[in-house]
N, C-alpha and C. Protein backbone atom coordinates (compact mmCIF):
# COMPACT_ATOMS: atom_id res chain seq x y z
N MET A 1 1.08 -1.11 0.18
CA MET A 1 -0.07 -0.16 0.09
C MET A 1 0.85 1.16 0.06
N SER A 2 0.76 2.32 -0.71
CA SER A 2 1.15 3.66 -0.66
C SER A 2 0.44 4.73 -0.73
N ASP A 3 0.72 5.87 -0.14
CA ASP A 3 -0.02 6.96 0.21
C ASP A 3 0.35 7.91 -1.19
N LEU A 4 -0.93 8.59 -1.23
CA LEU A 4 -1.05 9.70 -2.08
C LEU A 4 0.00 11.03 -1.62
N ILE A 5 0.62 11.43 -1.97
CA ILE A 5 1.43 12.64 -1.43
C ILE A 5 0.62 13.95 -2.00
N SER A 6 0.40 14.89 -1.62
CA SER A 6 -0.48 16.07 -1.86
C SER A 6 0.90 16.90 -2.62
N ASP A 7 1.96 16.90 -2.20
CA ASP A 7 3.12 17.98 -2.83
C ASP A 7 3.17 17.87 -4.35
N GLY A 8 2.37 19.27 -5.16
CA GLY A 8 2.45 19.17 -6.61
C GLY A 8 1.50 18.45 -7.17
N LYS A 9 0.68 18.10 -6.54
CA LYS A 9 -0.53 17.53 -6.92
C LYS A 9 -2.14 17.91 -7.20
N THR A 10 -2.12 19.28 -6.72
CA THR A 10 -3.03 20.12 -6.87
C THR A 10 -3.27 21.21 -8.00
N ARG A 11 -4.06 21.62 -8.23
CA ARG A 11 -4.21 22.50 -9.65
C ARG A 11 -5.46 23.27 -8.87
N VAL A 12 -5.40 24.87 -9.02
CA VAL A 12 -6.42 25.66 -8.68
C VAL A 12 -6.36 27.07 -9.72
N TYR A 13 -7.78 26.90 -10.35
CA TYR A 13 -7.85 27.74 -11.20
C TYR A 13 -9.35 28.70 -10.81
N TRP A 14 -9.37 30.03 -11.12
CA TRP A 14 -10.20 31.26 -10.92
C TRP A 14 -11.31 31.19 -12.11
N LEU A 15 -12.27 30.73 -12.69
CA LEU A 15 -13.04 30.82 -13.58
C LEU A 15 -13.94 32.11 -13.54
N SER A 16 -13.97 32.65 -14.66
CA SER A 16 -15.16 33.87 -14.43
C SER A 16 -16.63 32.98 -14.94
N THR A 17 -16.48 32.32 -16.05
CA THR A 17 -17.99 31.71 -16.25
C THR A 17 -17.78 30.05 -16.38
N VAL A 18 -18.87 29.55 -16.03
CA VAL A 18 -18.87 28.06 -16.46
C VAL A 18 -20.33 27.89 -16.55
N ALA A 19 -20.68 27.35 -17.75
CA ALA A 19 -21.76 26.43 -18.24
C ALA A 19 -22.75 25.74 -17.29
N ASN A 20 -21.73 24.66 -17.11
CA ASN A 20 -22.36 23.54 -16.02
C ASN A 20 -21.08 23.31 -15.35
N ILE A 21 -21.31 23.71 -14.12
CA ILE A 21 -20.37 23.26 -12.76
C ILE A 21 -19.87 21.85 -12.39
N ASN A 22 -21.29 21.06 -12.44
CA ASN A 22 -20.55 19.43 -12.57
C ASN A 22 -19.91 18.97 -13.55
N ALA A 23 -19.99 19.44 -15.04
CA ALA A 23 -19.23 19.17 -16.21
C ALA A 23 -18.66 20.22 -16.75
N PRO A 24 -17.61 21.10 -16.37
CA PRO A 24 -16.89 22.21 -16.80
C PRO A 24 -15.93 21.67 -17.89
N THR A 25 -16.14 22.48 -19.20
CA THR A 25 -15.28 22.04 -20.29
C THR A 25 -13.75 22.00 -20.17
N VAL A 26 -12.83 21.47 -20.96
CA VAL A 26 -11.50 21.92 -20.70
C VAL A 26 -11.36 23.38 -21.75
N ALA A 27 -11.96 23.84 -22.51
CA ALA A 27 -11.84 25.04 -22.87
C ALA A 27 -12.39 26.20 -22.02
N GLU A 28 -13.21 25.95 -21.00
CA GLU A 28 -13.76 27.09 -19.72
C GLU A 28 -12.41 26.65 -19.02
N LEU A 29 -12.22 25.49 -18.52
CA LEU A 29 -11.13 25.55 -17.56
C LEU A 29 -9.78 26.43 -18.23
N ASN A 30 -9.59 26.01 -19.30
CA ASN A 30 -8.21 26.70 -19.76
C ASN A 30 -8.19 28.06 -19.81
N ALA A 31 -9.38 28.42 -20.39
CA ALA A 31 -9.58 30.26 -20.29
C ALA A 31 -9.81 30.87 -18.87
N GLY A 32 -9.51 30.14 -17.74
CA GLY A 32 -9.62 30.48 -16.31
C GLY A 32 -8.00 30.85 -16.34
N ALA A 33 -7.82 31.49 -14.83
CA ALA A 33 -6.47 31.95 -14.29
C ALA A 33 -6.04 30.78 -13.56
N ASP A 34 -4.77 30.61 -13.79
CA ASP A 34 -3.96 29.70 -12.97
C ASP A 34 -3.65 30.47 -11.68
N TYR A 35 -3.77 29.93 -10.71
CA TYR A 35 -3.55 30.61 -9.42
C TYR A 35 -2.36 29.90 -8.44
N THR A 36 -2.63 28.60 -8.89
CA THR A 36 -1.83 27.66 -8.05
C THR A 36 -0.91 27.89 -7.74
N SER A 37 0.25 28.46 -8.56
CA SER A 37 1.59 28.94 -8.13
C SER A 37 1.76 30.11 -7.31
N ARG A 38 0.50 30.82 -6.86
CA ARG A 38 0.65 32.21 -5.97
C ARG A 38 0.04 31.87 -4.89
N ILE A 39 -0.49 30.46 -4.62
CA ILE A 39 -1.35 30.16 -3.14
C ILE A 39 -0.01 29.60 -2.56
N THR A 40 0.04 29.59 -1.23
CA THR A 40 0.93 29.76 0.03
C THR A 40 0.64 27.53 0.04
N PRO A 41 1.79 26.92 0.27
CA PRO A 41 1.65 25.61 0.51
C PRO A 41 0.56 25.08 1.51
N ASP A 42 0.20 25.83 2.45
CA ASP A 42 -0.78 25.56 3.40
C ASP A 42 -2.02 26.81 3.30
N GLY A 43 -2.45 27.39 1.83
CA GLY A 43 -3.01 28.19 1.83
C GLY A 43 -4.71 28.26 1.15
N LEU A 44 -4.56 26.92 0.96
CA LEU A 44 -5.81 26.62 0.35
C LEU A 44 -6.45 25.64 1.26
N LYS A 45 -8.13 26.72 1.81
CA LYS A 45 -8.71 26.25 2.68
C LYS A 45 -10.09 26.08 2.15
N LEU A 46 -10.83 24.86 2.46
CA LEU A 46 -11.87 24.67 1.77
C LEU A 46 -12.71 23.88 3.02
N ASP A 47 -12.85 24.13 3.72
CA ASP A 47 -13.50 23.28 5.03
C ASP A 47 -15.38 23.37 5.17
N PRO A 48 -15.52 22.00 4.69
CA PRO A 48 -17.13 21.98 4.84
C PRO A 48 -17.41 22.18 6.56
N SER A 49 -18.67 22.33 6.74
CA SER A 49 -19.38 21.93 7.65
C SER A 49 -21.06 21.53 7.57
N THR A 50 -21.37 20.75 8.37
CA THR A 50 -22.45 20.08 8.52
C THR A 50 -23.22 20.29 9.58
N ALA A 51 -24.38 20.78 9.30
CA ALA A 51 -25.28 21.28 10.84
C ALA A 51 -25.48 20.11 11.36
N ASP A 52 -26.58 20.14 12.58
CA ASP A 52 -27.16 19.04 13.08
C ASP A 52 -28.87 19.25 13.25
N VAL A 53 -29.16 18.44 12.94
CA VAL A 53 -30.56 18.58 13.00
C VAL A 53 -31.33 17.20 14.29
N ASP A 54 -32.00 18.06 15.31
CA ASP A 54 -32.39 17.11 16.24
C ASP A 54 -33.45 16.52 15.76
N THR A 55 -33.38 15.03 15.74
CA THR A 55 -34.37 14.21 15.50
C THR A 55 -35.31 13.86 16.97
N SER A 56 -34.84 13.77 17.65
CA SER A 56 -35.50 13.26 19.28
C SER A 56 -36.53 14.13 19.22
N SER A 57 -37.15 13.24 20.15
CA SER A 57 -39.16 13.54 20.49
C SER A 57 -38.87 13.81 22.24
N LEU A 58 -40.52 14.27 22.33
CA LEU A 58 -40.92 14.23 24.02
C LEU A 58 -40.27 12.75 24.65
N ALA A 59 -40.68 11.62 23.62
CA ALA A 59 -40.67 10.57 24.51
C ALA A 59 -39.29 10.16 24.23
N SER A 60 -38.06 10.66 23.62
CA SER A 60 -36.93 10.11 23.71
C SER A 60 -36.24 10.28 24.89
N LYS A 61 -35.33 9.14 25.04
CA LYS A 61 -33.96 8.91 26.03
C LYS A 61 -32.88 8.93 25.81
N PHE A 62 -32.87 9.31 24.68
CA PHE A 62 -31.40 9.39 23.74
C PHE A 62 -31.62 10.66 22.77
N ASP A 63 -30.75 11.54 23.01
CA ASP A 63 -30.28 12.41 21.77
C ASP A 63 -30.14 11.87 20.32
N THR A 64 -31.20 12.11 19.68
CA THR A 64 -30.87 11.69 18.24
C THR A 64 -30.98 12.98 17.16
N LYS A 65 -30.02 12.58 16.06
CA LYS A 65 -29.25 13.55 15.32
C LYS A 65 -29.32 13.14 13.79
N THR A 66 -29.80 13.93 13.08
CA THR A 66 -29.25 13.40 11.42
C THR A 66 -28.63 14.91 10.84
N VAL A 67 -28.41 14.62 9.49
CA VAL A 67 -27.38 15.77 9.26
C VAL A 67 -28.11 17.01 8.43
N GLY A 68 -27.92 18.20 8.79
CA GLY A 68 -28.72 19.30 8.16
C GLY A 68 -27.94 20.05 6.94
N ARG A 69 -28.14 21.14 6.95
CA ARG A 69 -27.34 21.79 6.02
C ARG A 69 -25.37 21.87 5.98
N VAL A 70 -25.28 22.17 4.67
CA VAL A 70 -23.61 21.98 4.76
C VAL A 70 -23.44 23.44 4.34
N GLY A 71 -22.16 23.71 4.78
CA GLY A 71 -21.69 24.97 4.61
C GLY A 71 -20.18 25.01 4.31
N TYR A 72 -19.74 25.92 3.86
CA TYR A 72 -17.92 25.83 3.62
C TYR A 72 -17.42 27.23 4.19
N ASP A 73 -16.14 27.11 4.89
CA ASP A 73 -15.66 27.94 5.48
C ASP A 73 -14.22 28.00 4.41
N VAL A 74 -14.16 29.34 3.18
CA VAL A 74 -13.15 29.11 2.08
C VAL A 74 -12.41 30.35 2.22
N GLU A 75 -11.23 30.32 2.44
CA GLU A 75 -10.16 31.61 2.32
C GLU A 75 -8.77 31.17 1.44
N LEU A 76 -8.30 31.78 0.78
CA LEU A 76 -7.08 31.24 0.02
C LEU A 76 -5.57 32.34 0.30
N THR A 77 -4.67 32.00 1.08
CA THR A 77 -3.46 32.81 1.19
C THR A 77 -2.80 32.51 -0.28
N PHE A 78 -2.39 34.05 -0.63
CA PHE A 78 -1.81 34.40 -1.90
C PHE A 78 -0.72 34.46 -1.46
N LYS A 79 0.84 34.55 -2.12
CA LYS A 79 1.76 35.36 -2.18
C LYS A 79 1.54 36.70 -2.96
N ARG A 80 2.19 37.73 -2.70
CA ARG A 80 1.97 38.70 -3.94
C ARG A 80 3.19 39.06 -4.50
N GLY A 81 2.79 39.33 -5.90
CA GLY A 81 3.84 39.37 -6.80
C GLY A 81 4.75 40.53 -7.49
N SER A 82 5.51 40.63 -7.63
CA SER A 82 6.43 42.18 -8.07
C SER A 82 6.06 42.45 -9.34
N THR A 83 5.34 41.63 -9.81
CA THR A 83 5.13 42.12 -11.30
C THR A 83 3.26 42.12 -11.79
N PRO A 84 2.97 42.71 -12.42
CA PRO A 84 1.27 42.39 -12.73
C PRO A 84 0.62 41.14 -12.87
N THR A 85 1.13 40.21 -13.31
CA THR A 85 0.99 38.87 -13.95
C THR A 85 1.08 37.90 -12.52
N ASP A 86 2.22 38.20 -11.97
CA ASP A 86 2.54 37.67 -10.77
C ASP A 86 1.47 38.28 -9.45
N ASP A 87 0.84 39.38 -9.44
CA ASP A 87 0.19 39.70 -8.26
C ASP A 87 -1.46 39.63 -8.87
N ALA A 88 -1.70 39.27 -10.09
CA ALA A 88 -2.94 39.10 -10.42
C ALA A 88 -3.77 38.60 -9.44
N PRO A 89 -3.72 37.93 -8.48
CA PRO A 89 -5.15 37.34 -7.69
C PRO A 89 -5.31 38.66 -6.89
N TYR A 90 -4.12 39.25 -6.47
CA TYR A 90 -4.42 40.68 -5.49
C TYR A 90 -5.40 41.56 -6.07
N SER A 91 -4.85 41.76 -7.44
CA SER A 91 -5.49 42.66 -7.95
C SER A 91 -7.21 42.42 -8.50
N THR A 92 -7.45 41.20 -8.68
CA THR A 92 -8.60 40.44 -9.22
C THR A 92 -9.36 40.14 -8.24
N LEU A 93 -9.17 39.31 -7.05
CA LEU A 93 -9.90 39.06 -6.01
C LEU A 93 -10.40 39.98 -5.26
N LYS A 94 -11.18 41.03 -5.61
CA LYS A 94 -11.77 42.14 -5.06
C LYS A 94 -12.87 42.02 -4.11
N TYR A 95 -13.23 42.63 -3.18
CA TYR A 95 -14.68 42.79 -2.75
C TYR A 95 -15.64 42.45 -3.81
N GLY A 96 -16.70 41.50 -3.54
CA GLY A 96 -17.65 41.30 -4.31
C GLY A 96 -17.60 40.97 -5.79
N VAL A 97 -16.42 40.52 -6.03
CA VAL A 97 -16.12 39.59 -7.42
C VAL A 97 -16.46 38.31 -7.32
N ALA A 98 -17.29 37.96 -8.22
CA ALA A 98 -17.87 36.67 -8.83
C ALA A 98 -17.03 36.01 -9.42
N GLY A 99 -17.14 34.76 -9.32
CA GLY A 99 -16.60 33.48 -9.99
C GLY A 99 -16.45 32.20 -9.69
N PHE A 100 -15.62 31.52 -10.08
CA PHE A 100 -15.82 30.25 -9.72
C PHE A 100 -14.33 29.42 -9.42
N LEU A 101 -14.25 28.53 -8.45
CA LEU A 101 -12.80 28.24 -7.85
C LEU A 101 -12.92 27.02 -8.39
N ALA A 102 -11.86 26.45 -9.44
CA ALA A 102 -12.07 25.09 -9.73
C ALA A 102 -10.61 24.45 -9.12
N VAL A 103 -10.64 23.57 -8.75
CA VAL A 103 -9.69 22.40 -7.88
C VAL A 103 -9.75 20.95 -8.18
N ARG A 104 -8.30 20.74 -8.66
CA ARG A 104 -8.23 19.54 -8.89
C ARG A 104 -7.07 18.84 -8.17
N ARG A 105 -7.44 18.04 -7.58
CA ARG A 105 -6.37 17.28 -6.67
C ARG A 105 -6.10 15.65 -6.92
N GLY A 106 -4.77 15.34 -6.57
CA GLY A 106 -4.66 14.33 -6.87
C GLY A 106 -3.71 13.67 -8.27
N LEU A 107 -3.52 14.82 -8.98
CA LEU A 107 -2.75 14.92 -10.13
C LEU A 107 -1.83 15.85 -10.35
N ASP A 108 -0.80 15.27 -11.19
CA ASP A 108 0.26 16.01 -11.13
C ASP A 108 -0.19 17.70 -11.45
N TYR A 109 0.23 18.41 -10.81
CA TYR A 109 -0.17 20.29 -11.18
C TYR A 109 0.37 20.17 -12.60
N ALA A 110 1.49 19.98 -13.14
CA ALA A 110 1.81 19.84 -14.78
C ALA A 110 0.45 19.12 -15.54
N THR A 111 0.05 18.30 -15.14
CA THR A 111 -0.85 17.49 -16.18
C THR A 111 -1.97 18.46 -17.04
N ALA A 112 -2.29 18.56 -17.69
CA ALA A 112 -2.97 19.48 -18.40
C ALA A 112 -4.73 18.73 -18.18
N TRP A 113 -5.52 19.86 -18.07
CA TRP A 113 -6.94 19.53 -17.87
C TRP A 113 -7.32 18.54 -19.11
N ALA A 114 -7.92 17.51 -18.60
CA ALA A 114 -8.45 16.53 -19.68
C ALA A 114 -9.67 15.92 -19.20
N SER A 115 -10.37 15.57 -20.37
CA SER A 115 -11.96 15.20 -19.68
C SER A 115 -11.85 14.04 -19.16
N SER A 116 -12.65 13.60 -18.58
CA SER A 116 -12.85 12.65 -17.36
C SER A 116 -12.15 12.87 -16.07
N GLN A 117 -11.31 13.88 -15.67
CA GLN A 117 -10.69 14.35 -14.68
C GLN A 117 -11.75 14.55 -13.69
N LYS A 118 -11.46 13.84 -12.53
CA LYS A 118 -12.23 14.67 -11.22
C LYS A 118 -12.04 16.25 -10.54
N LEU A 119 -12.87 16.88 -10.33
CA LEU A 119 -12.37 18.26 -9.68
C LEU A 119 -13.61 18.64 -8.82
N GLU A 120 -13.29 19.62 -7.87
CA GLU A 120 -14.28 20.31 -7.16
C GLU A 120 -14.46 21.74 -7.83
N VAL A 121 -15.43 22.30 -8.11
CA VAL A 121 -16.20 23.60 -8.58
C VAL A 121 -16.91 24.59 -7.46
N TYR A 122 -16.38 25.63 -7.26
CA TYR A 122 -17.08 26.40 -6.22
C TYR A 122 -17.50 27.54 -6.53
N PRO A 123 -19.22 28.03 -6.56
CA PRO A 123 -19.39 29.49 -7.25
C PRO A 123 -19.14 29.92 -5.97
N ILE A 124 -18.48 30.97 -6.17
CA ILE A 124 -17.60 32.19 -5.15
C ILE A 124 -18.02 33.68 -5.49
N THR A 125 -18.15 34.28 -4.49
CA THR A 125 -18.34 35.95 -4.19
C THR A 125 -17.17 35.99 -3.16
N CYS A 126 -16.17 36.99 -3.79
CA CYS A 126 -14.88 37.39 -2.80
C CYS A 126 -15.38 38.00 -1.71
N GLY A 127 -14.49 38.12 -0.66
CA GLY A 127 -14.78 39.24 0.50
C GLY A 127 -13.74 39.85 0.39
N GLU A 128 -13.05 40.90 1.17
CA GLU A 128 -12.50 41.92 1.57
C GLU A 128 -11.30 41.11 1.62
N PRO A 129 -10.03 41.28 0.50
CA PRO A 129 -8.75 40.85 0.74
C PRO A 129 -8.00 41.89 2.18
N ALA A 130 -7.20 40.90 2.94
CA ALA A 130 -6.68 41.21 4.24
C ALA A 130 -5.37 40.86 3.89
N ASN A 131 -4.59 42.19 3.90
CA ASN A 131 -2.93 41.99 3.72
C ASN A 131 -2.35 41.47 5.11
N SER A 132 -1.72 40.16 4.88
CA SER A 132 -0.97 39.74 6.14
C SER A 132 -0.05 40.39 6.60
N SER A 133 0.44 40.14 7.76
CA SER A 133 1.31 41.22 8.62
C SER A 133 2.79 41.35 8.08
N PRO A 134 3.61 41.73 7.95
CA PRO A 134 4.85 41.54 7.51
C PRO A 134 5.50 40.66 8.47
N ALA A 135 6.36 39.98 8.01
CA ALA A 135 7.43 39.16 8.91
C ALA A 135 8.73 39.10 8.07
N ALA A 136 9.85 38.71 9.08
CA ALA A 136 11.13 38.77 8.38
C ALA A 136 11.40 36.99 7.97
N ASN A 137 11.54 37.12 6.69
CA ASN A 137 12.26 36.05 6.17
C ASN A 137 11.01 35.51 5.49
N GLU A 138 10.13 35.77 5.12
CA GLU A 138 8.57 35.66 4.42
C GLU A 138 8.15 36.54 3.26
N VAL A 139 7.56 36.02 2.59
CA VAL A 139 7.03 36.65 1.34
C VAL A 139 5.85 37.78 1.64
N MET A 140 5.29 38.55 1.03
CA MET A 140 4.43 39.51 1.51
C MET A 140 2.97 38.62 0.75
N LYS A 141 2.22 38.57 1.92
CA LYS A 141 1.02 37.75 1.39
C LYS A 141 -0.20 38.40 1.80
N PHE A 142 -1.32 37.99 1.33
CA PHE A 142 -2.61 38.37 1.59
C PHE A 142 -3.63 37.31 1.68
N VAL A 143 -4.68 37.25 2.33
CA VAL A 143 -5.72 36.43 2.29
C VAL A 143 -6.92 36.75 1.93
N SER A 144 -7.45 36.08 1.32
CA SER A 144 -8.82 36.28 0.08
C SER A 144 -10.11 35.32 0.87
N PRO A 145 -10.52 35.84 1.88
CA PRO A 145 -11.91 35.37 1.94
C PRO A 145 -12.94 35.06 1.16
N MET A 146 -13.70 33.91 0.89
CA MET A 146 -14.77 33.86 -0.20
C MET A 146 -15.75 33.21 0.48
N LYS A 147 -17.16 33.32 -0.32
CA LYS A 147 -17.91 32.86 0.12
C LYS A 147 -19.16 32.20 -1.08
N VAL A 148 -18.77 30.79 -0.58
CA VAL A 148 -20.00 30.18 -1.80
C VAL A 148 -21.29 30.30 -1.38
N THR A 149 -21.52 30.50 -2.67
CA THR A 149 -22.72 31.78 -2.94
C THR A 149 -24.11 30.56 -3.43
N ASP A 150 -23.65 29.55 -4.04
CA ASP A 150 -24.60 28.25 -4.60
C ASP A 150 -24.22 26.78 -4.15
N PRO A 151 -24.86 26.00 -3.78
CA PRO A 151 -24.17 24.40 -3.80
C PRO A 151 -23.27 24.43 -5.05
N PRO A 152 -21.65 23.53 -4.15
CA PRO A 152 -20.77 23.67 -5.17
C PRO A 152 -20.87 22.01 -5.40
N ALA A 153 -19.89 21.90 -6.93
CA ALA A 153 -20.23 20.44 -7.56
C ALA A 153 -18.50 19.85 -7.24
N THR A 154 -19.01 19.07 -5.95
CA THR A 154 -17.59 18.69 -5.10
C THR A 154 -16.89 17.39 -5.75
N ALA A 155 -17.73 16.94 -6.63
CA ALA A 155 -17.63 15.87 -7.39
C ALA A 155 -17.98 16.01 -8.92
N ALA A 156 -17.34 16.96 -9.31
CA ALA A 156 -17.51 17.31 -10.68
C ALA A 156 -16.43 16.32 -11.75
N THR A 157 -16.56 16.30 -12.87
CA THR A 157 -15.90 15.37 -14.03
C THR A 157 -15.89 16.47 -15.08
N VAL A 158 -14.71 16.65 -15.65
CA VAL A 158 -14.29 17.39 -16.62
C VAL A 158 -15.14 16.65 -18.08
N ALA A 159 -15.64 17.58 -18.67
CA ALA A 159 -16.19 17.13 -19.92
C ALA A 159 -15.25 17.09 -21.38
């Protein structure tokens, strides 16, 4: 048995438009902005949460629950760039900007988008970007908080 190492096996694109988030096309993905190399190694945060729904009754002697609404806490930590191209996430992901975050995991980053690949697509509206505090021996960074505006496609397939 071998473990799947995550280093170099994640791809993150920002897309302006997608016709079907469950089956984005190669053309739609290639038209997006590749922000993978601008995200810090620990900077991709897509944390789901599931609410509890109390299903117990007055007759219950035990608290029972079932699954309720799902939500996501999303934020990306980016390295700032010294050129306009390298700083595109900072100039693009401003408050209120809407788009789609496409995330592919488990394949080498350099592997081109191709049909039948699995990915996640999140409909997003960006929050106010937050500049990180300066620190010695670190690159300049900022955090982009993001809000998931519709149910995401967490098991999408490239068309």
